[in-house]
Amino acid sequence: MFAIVKIAGKQFKVEKDQTLYVPNIGGTAGDKVEFGDIIMADSNGNLSFAGAVNVKVQAEILAQVKGDKVIAYKQKRRKGFRKKLGHRTHYTKIRISEIA
């Protein structure tokens, strides 16, 4: 059984006991979250789509983490302008505990 869920504006295909990194949704480690915005669900070959889905996806927050550093380098030629910028995106690591 799997479901396609919309989490923080992005779509993820999830299965039971799967671990994934999603955009930061807040909360602390050990909190339980429930996602109700299901786009599609599959149950033994029976597909249900957005309007007819009565499925809830429950997950547990494992950690709040940061992604790899991304460097943005700006330069204007012949002007002596150089700027090095960087950032690390915040993610939430979750484990799907149940698709019901």
N, C-alpha and C. Protein backbone atom coordinates (compact mmCIF):
# COMPACT_ATOMS: atom_id res chain seq x y z
N MET A 1 0.85 -1.18 0.00
CA MET A 1 0.00 0.00 0.00
C MET A 1 0.89 1.23 0.00
N PHE A 2 0.54 2.18 -0.84
CA PHE A 2 1.27 3.44 -0.86
C PHE A 2 0.29 4.59 -1.05
N ALA A 3 0.77 5.79 -0.80
CA ALA A 3 -0.06 6.98 -0.99
C ALA A 3 0.84 8.10 -1.51
N ILE A 4 0.26 8.99 -2.28
CA ILE A 4 0.95 10.20 -2.70
C ILE A 4 0.36 11.34 -1.89
N VAL A 5 1.23 11.99 -1.10
CA VAL A 5 0.82 12.97 -0.10
C VAL A 5 1.45 14.31 -0.43
N LYS A 6 0.70 15.37 -0.16
CA LYS A 6 1.22 16.72 -0.31
C LYS A 6 1.66 17.21 1.06
N ILE A 7 2.98 17.44 1.22
CA ILE A 7 3.55 17.90 2.49
C ILE A 7 4.32 19.18 2.22
N ALA A 8 3.90 20.27 2.84
CA ALA A 8 4.55 21.58 2.72
C ALA A 8 4.70 21.99 1.25
N GLY A 9 3.67 21.73 0.45
CA GLY A 9 3.67 22.18 -0.93
C GLY A 9 4.38 21.26 -1.90
N LYS A 10 4.92 20.13 -1.46
CA LYS A 10 5.61 19.18 -2.33
C LYS A 10 4.94 17.83 -2.22
N GLN A 11 5.02 17.06 -3.30
CA GLN A 11 4.38 15.75 -3.33
C GLN A 11 5.40 14.65 -3.06
N PHE A 12 4.99 13.68 -2.22
CA PHE A 12 5.85 12.56 -1.87
C PHE A 12 5.08 11.27 -1.99
N LYS A 13 5.73 10.25 -2.54
CA LYS A 13 5.15 8.90 -2.54
C LYS A 13 5.64 8.22 -1.28
N VAL A 14 4.71 7.80 -0.42
CA VAL A 14 5.09 7.25 0.88
C VAL A 14 4.54 5.84 1.05
N GLU A 15 5.29 5.04 1.82
CA GLU A 15 4.89 3.70 2.20
C GLU A 15 5.13 3.54 3.69
N LYS A 16 4.55 2.53 4.27
CA LYS A 16 4.71 2.30 5.71
C LYS A 16 6.17 2.02 6.04
N ASP A 17 6.63 2.58 7.17
CA ASP A 17 7.99 2.44 7.69
C ASP A 17 9.06 3.09 6.81
N GLN A 18 8.67 3.96 5.91
CA GLN A 18 9.63 4.68 5.07
C GLN A 18 10.13 5.92 5.81
N THR A 19 11.41 6.22 5.67
CA THR A 19 12.00 7.40 6.27
C THR A 19 12.31 8.39 5.15
N LEU A 20 11.92 9.67 5.33
CA LEU A 20 12.21 10.66 4.30
C LEU A 20 12.41 12.04 4.91
N TYR A 21 13.03 12.89 4.12
CA TYR A 21 13.29 14.27 4.51
C TYR A 21 12.30 15.16 3.78
N VAL A 22 11.55 15.96 4.53
CA VAL A 22 10.56 16.86 3.95
C VAL A 22 10.93 18.29 4.35
N PRO A 23 10.43 19.29 3.63
CA PRO A 23 10.68 20.67 4.05
C PRO A 23 10.20 20.88 5.49
N ASN A 24 10.83 21.79 6.18
CA ASN A 24 10.61 22.00 7.61
C ASN A 24 9.12 22.17 7.94
N ILE A 25 8.61 21.29 8.81
CA ILE A 25 7.20 21.38 9.22
C ILE A 25 7.07 21.69 10.70
N GLY A 26 8.18 21.97 11.37
CA GLY A 26 8.13 22.32 12.79
C GLY A 26 7.94 21.09 13.66
N GLY A 27 7.88 21.31 14.96
CA GLY A 27 7.74 20.21 15.90
C GLY A 27 9.10 19.75 16.41
N THR A 28 9.06 18.86 17.37
CA THR A 28 10.28 18.33 17.95
C THR A 28 10.33 16.81 17.75
N ALA A 29 11.49 16.24 17.98
CA ALA A 29 11.67 14.80 17.80
C ALA A 29 10.71 14.05 18.72
N GLY A 30 10.05 13.05 18.16
CA GLY A 30 9.10 12.25 18.93
C GLY A 30 7.65 12.65 18.73
N ASP A 31 7.41 13.84 18.16
CA ASP A 31 6.03 14.28 17.91
C ASP A 31 5.39 13.45 16.80
N LYS A 32 4.09 13.28 16.90
CA LYS A 32 3.32 12.59 15.87
C LYS A 32 2.62 13.64 15.00
N VAL A 33 2.65 13.44 13.69
CA VAL A 33 1.96 14.34 12.77
C VAL A 33 1.06 13.51 11.87
N GLU A 34 0.02 14.15 11.35
CA GLU A 34 -0.92 13.48 10.47
C GLU A 34 -1.11 14.34 9.23
N PHE A 35 -1.05 13.70 8.08
CA PHE A 35 -1.22 14.39 6.81
C PHE A 35 -2.54 13.95 6.19
N GLY A 36 -3.38 14.91 5.87
CA GLY A 36 -4.69 14.59 5.32
C GLY A 36 -4.84 14.97 3.87
N ASP A 37 -3.86 15.66 3.30
CA ASP A 37 -3.93 16.10 1.91
C ASP A 37 -3.39 15.00 1.01
N ILE A 38 -4.21 13.98 0.76
CA ILE A 38 -3.81 12.81 -0.02
C ILE A 38 -4.25 13.02 -1.46
N ILE A 39 -3.32 12.84 -2.38
CA ILE A 39 -3.63 13.01 -3.80
C ILE A 39 -4.09 11.69 -4.42
N MET A 40 -3.41 10.60 -4.04
CA MET A 40 -3.76 9.30 -4.57
C MET A 40 -3.37 8.24 -3.55
N ALA A 41 -4.13 7.16 -3.51
CA ALA A 41 -3.80 6.05 -2.62
C ALA A 41 -4.02 4.74 -3.35
N ASP A 42 -3.18 3.75 -3.03
CA ASP A 42 -3.28 2.43 -3.64
C ASP A 42 -3.44 1.41 -2.54
N SER A 43 -4.46 0.56 -2.67
CA SER A 43 -4.68 -0.51 -1.71
C SER A 43 -4.90 -1.80 -2.47
N ASN A 44 -3.86 -2.62 -2.56
CA ASN A 44 -3.92 -3.90 -3.26
C ASN A 44 -4.40 -3.75 -4.71
N GLY A 45 -3.88 -2.78 -5.41
CA GLY A 45 -4.23 -2.59 -6.81
C GLY A 45 -5.44 -1.70 -7.06
N ASN A 46 -6.15 -1.29 -6.00
CA ASN A 46 -7.29 -0.40 -6.15
C ASN A 46 -6.82 1.04 -5.95
N LEU A 47 -6.88 1.82 -7.01
CA LEU A 47 -6.45 3.21 -6.93
C LEU A 47 -7.61 4.11 -6.57
N SER A 48 -7.37 5.05 -5.67
CA SER A 48 -8.36 6.09 -5.34
C SER A 48 -7.69 7.43 -5.52
N PHE A 49 -8.42 8.35 -6.08
CA PHE A 49 -7.85 9.67 -6.36
C PHE A 49 -8.43 10.73 -5.45
N ALA A 50 -7.94 11.94 -5.57
CA ALA A 50 -8.12 13.05 -4.64
C ALA A 50 -9.50 13.16 -4.00
N GLY A 51 -10.56 13.17 -4.75
CA GLY A 51 -11.88 13.39 -4.17
C GLY A 51 -12.41 12.20 -3.38
N ALA A 52 -12.05 10.99 -3.78
CA ALA A 52 -12.63 9.79 -3.18
C ALA A 52 -11.72 9.12 -2.17
N VAL A 53 -10.67 9.81 -1.74
CA VAL A 53 -9.71 9.19 -0.82
C VAL A 53 -10.10 9.46 0.62
N ASN A 54 -10.27 8.42 1.40
CA ASN A 54 -10.53 8.54 2.84
C ASN A 54 -9.34 7.95 3.60
N VAL A 55 -8.17 8.49 3.33
CA VAL A 55 -6.94 7.95 3.89
C VAL A 55 -6.24 9.02 4.71
N LYS A 56 -5.67 8.62 5.83
CA LYS A 56 -4.84 9.50 6.65
C LYS A 56 -3.46 8.87 6.75
N VAL A 57 -2.44 9.70 6.62
CA VAL A 57 -1.07 9.24 6.75
C VAL A 57 -0.52 9.79 8.06
N GLN A 58 -0.08 8.88 8.94
CA GLN A 58 0.49 9.29 10.21
C GLN A 58 1.98 9.06 10.19
N ALA A 59 2.73 10.03 10.76
CA ALA A 59 4.18 9.94 10.77
C ALA A 59 4.72 10.41 12.11
N GLU A 60 5.96 10.05 12.36
CA GLU A 60 6.65 10.47 13.58
C GLU A 60 7.86 11.29 13.18
N ILE A 61 8.05 12.42 13.85
CA ILE A 61 9.21 13.27 13.57
C ILE A 61 10.42 12.66 14.25
N LEU A 62 11.47 12.41 13.48
CA LEU A 62 12.69 11.84 14.02
C LEU A 62 13.70 12.92 14.40
N ALA A 63 13.82 13.97 13.57
CA ALA A 63 14.81 15.02 13.84
C ALA A 63 14.56 16.22 12.96
N GLN A 64 15.08 17.36 13.40
CA GLN A 64 15.12 18.57 12.58
C GLN A 64 16.57 18.71 12.11
N VAL A 65 16.80 18.71 10.81
CA VAL A 65 18.17 18.70 10.28
C VAL A 65 18.35 19.79 9.23
N LYS A 66 19.61 20.02 8.87
CA LYS A 66 19.94 20.95 7.80
C LYS A 66 20.51 20.18 6.63
N GLY A 67 20.24 20.67 5.42
CA GLY A 67 20.77 20.04 4.23
C GLY A 67 22.21 20.45 3.98
N ASP A 68 22.75 20.03 2.86
CA ASP A 68 24.11 20.39 2.48
C ASP A 68 24.19 21.88 2.17
N LYS A 69 25.38 22.44 2.33
CA LYS A 69 25.58 23.85 2.07
C LYS A 69 25.54 24.10 0.56
N VAL A 70 24.81 25.14 0.18
CA VAL A 70 24.72 25.55 -1.22
C VAL A 70 25.42 26.90 -1.35
N ILE A 71 26.37 26.99 -2.25
CA ILE A 71 27.15 28.21 -2.44
C ILE A 71 26.64 28.94 -3.68
N ALA A 72 26.39 30.23 -3.52
CA ALA A 72 26.02 31.09 -4.65
C ALA A 72 27.12 32.14 -4.77
N TYR A 73 27.76 32.20 -5.92
CA TYR A 73 28.87 33.13 -6.13
C TYR A 73 28.45 34.14 -7.19
N LYS A 74 28.51 35.42 -6.84
CA LYS A 74 28.13 36.48 -7.77
C LYS A 74 29.37 37.29 -8.13
N GLN A 75 29.46 37.66 -9.39
CA GLN A 75 30.59 38.46 -9.84
C GLN A 75 30.16 39.31 -11.02
N LYS A 76 30.64 40.55 -11.06
CA LYS A 76 30.43 41.40 -12.23
C LYS A 76 31.79 41.66 -12.85
N ARG A 77 31.92 41.32 -14.07
CA ARG A 77 33.21 41.44 -14.72
C ARG A 77 33.65 42.89 -14.87
N ARG A 78 34.92 43.07 -14.74
CA ARG A 78 35.59 44.37 -14.89
C ARG A 78 35.17 45.40 -13.85
N LYS A 79 34.44 45.04 -12.83
CA LYS A 79 33.98 46.00 -11.82
C LYS A 79 34.61 45.76 -10.46
N GLY A 80 35.24 44.62 -10.26
CA GLY A 80 35.82 44.29 -8.97
C GLY A 80 34.78 43.84 -7.96
N PHE A 81 33.58 43.51 -8.42
CA PHE A 81 32.50 43.09 -7.52
C PHE A 81 32.48 41.57 -7.44
N ARG A 82 32.67 41.05 -6.23
CA ARG A 82 32.57 39.61 -5.98
C ARG A 82 31.87 39.40 -4.66
N LYS A 83 30.94 38.47 -4.65
CA LYS A 83 30.22 38.18 -3.42
C LYS A 83 29.97 36.67 -3.35
N LYS A 84 30.31 36.09 -2.22
CA LYS A 84 30.10 34.66 -2.01
C LYS A 84 29.03 34.50 -0.94
N LEU A 85 27.92 33.89 -1.31
CA LEU A 85 26.80 33.67 -0.41
C LEU A 85 26.57 32.18 -0.25
N GLY A 86 25.97 31.78 0.85
CA GLY A 86 25.66 30.38 1.05
C GLY A 86 24.49 30.21 2.01
N HIS A 87 23.86 29.06 1.94
CA HIS A 87 22.79 28.74 2.88
C HIS A 87 22.64 27.24 3.02
N ARG A 88 22.00 26.82 4.11
CA ARG A 88 21.66 25.42 4.34
C ARG A 88 20.17 25.34 4.61
N THR A 89 19.46 24.59 3.78
CA THR A 89 18.02 24.47 3.90
C THR A 89 17.65 23.57 5.09
N HIS A 90 16.60 23.95 5.81
CA HIS A 90 16.13 23.18 6.95
C HIS A 90 15.14 22.11 6.49
N TYR A 91 15.34 20.89 6.99
CA TYR A 91 14.48 19.76 6.67
C TYR A 91 14.00 19.10 7.95
N THR A 92 12.91 18.36 7.84
CA THR A 92 12.41 17.54 8.94
C THR A 92 12.50 16.09 8.49
N LYS A 93 13.14 15.26 9.31
CA LYS A 93 13.26 13.84 9.01
C LYS A 93 12.08 13.13 9.67
N ILE A 94 11.27 12.43 8.88
CA ILE A 94 10.09 11.75 9.41
C ILE A 94 10.10 10.27 9.01
N ARG A 95 9.37 9.47 9.80
CA ARG A 95 9.15 8.06 9.47
C ARG A 95 7.65 7.85 9.39
N ILE A 96 7.19 7.28 8.29
CA ILE A 96 5.77 7.00 8.11
C ILE A 96 5.41 5.80 8.97
N SER A 97 4.50 6.01 9.93
CA SER A 97 4.15 4.95 10.85
C SER A 97 2.89 4.19 10.42
N GLU A 98 1.97 4.87 9.74
CA GLU A 98 0.73 4.20 9.38
C GLU A 98 0.05 4.91 8.21
N ILE A 99 -0.53 4.11 7.32
CA ILE A 99 -1.40 4.63 6.27
C ILE A 99 -2.74 3.97 6.50
N ALA A 100 -3.72 4.75 6.96
CA ALA A 100 -5.01 4.16 7.33
C ALA A 100 -6.14 4.83 6.57
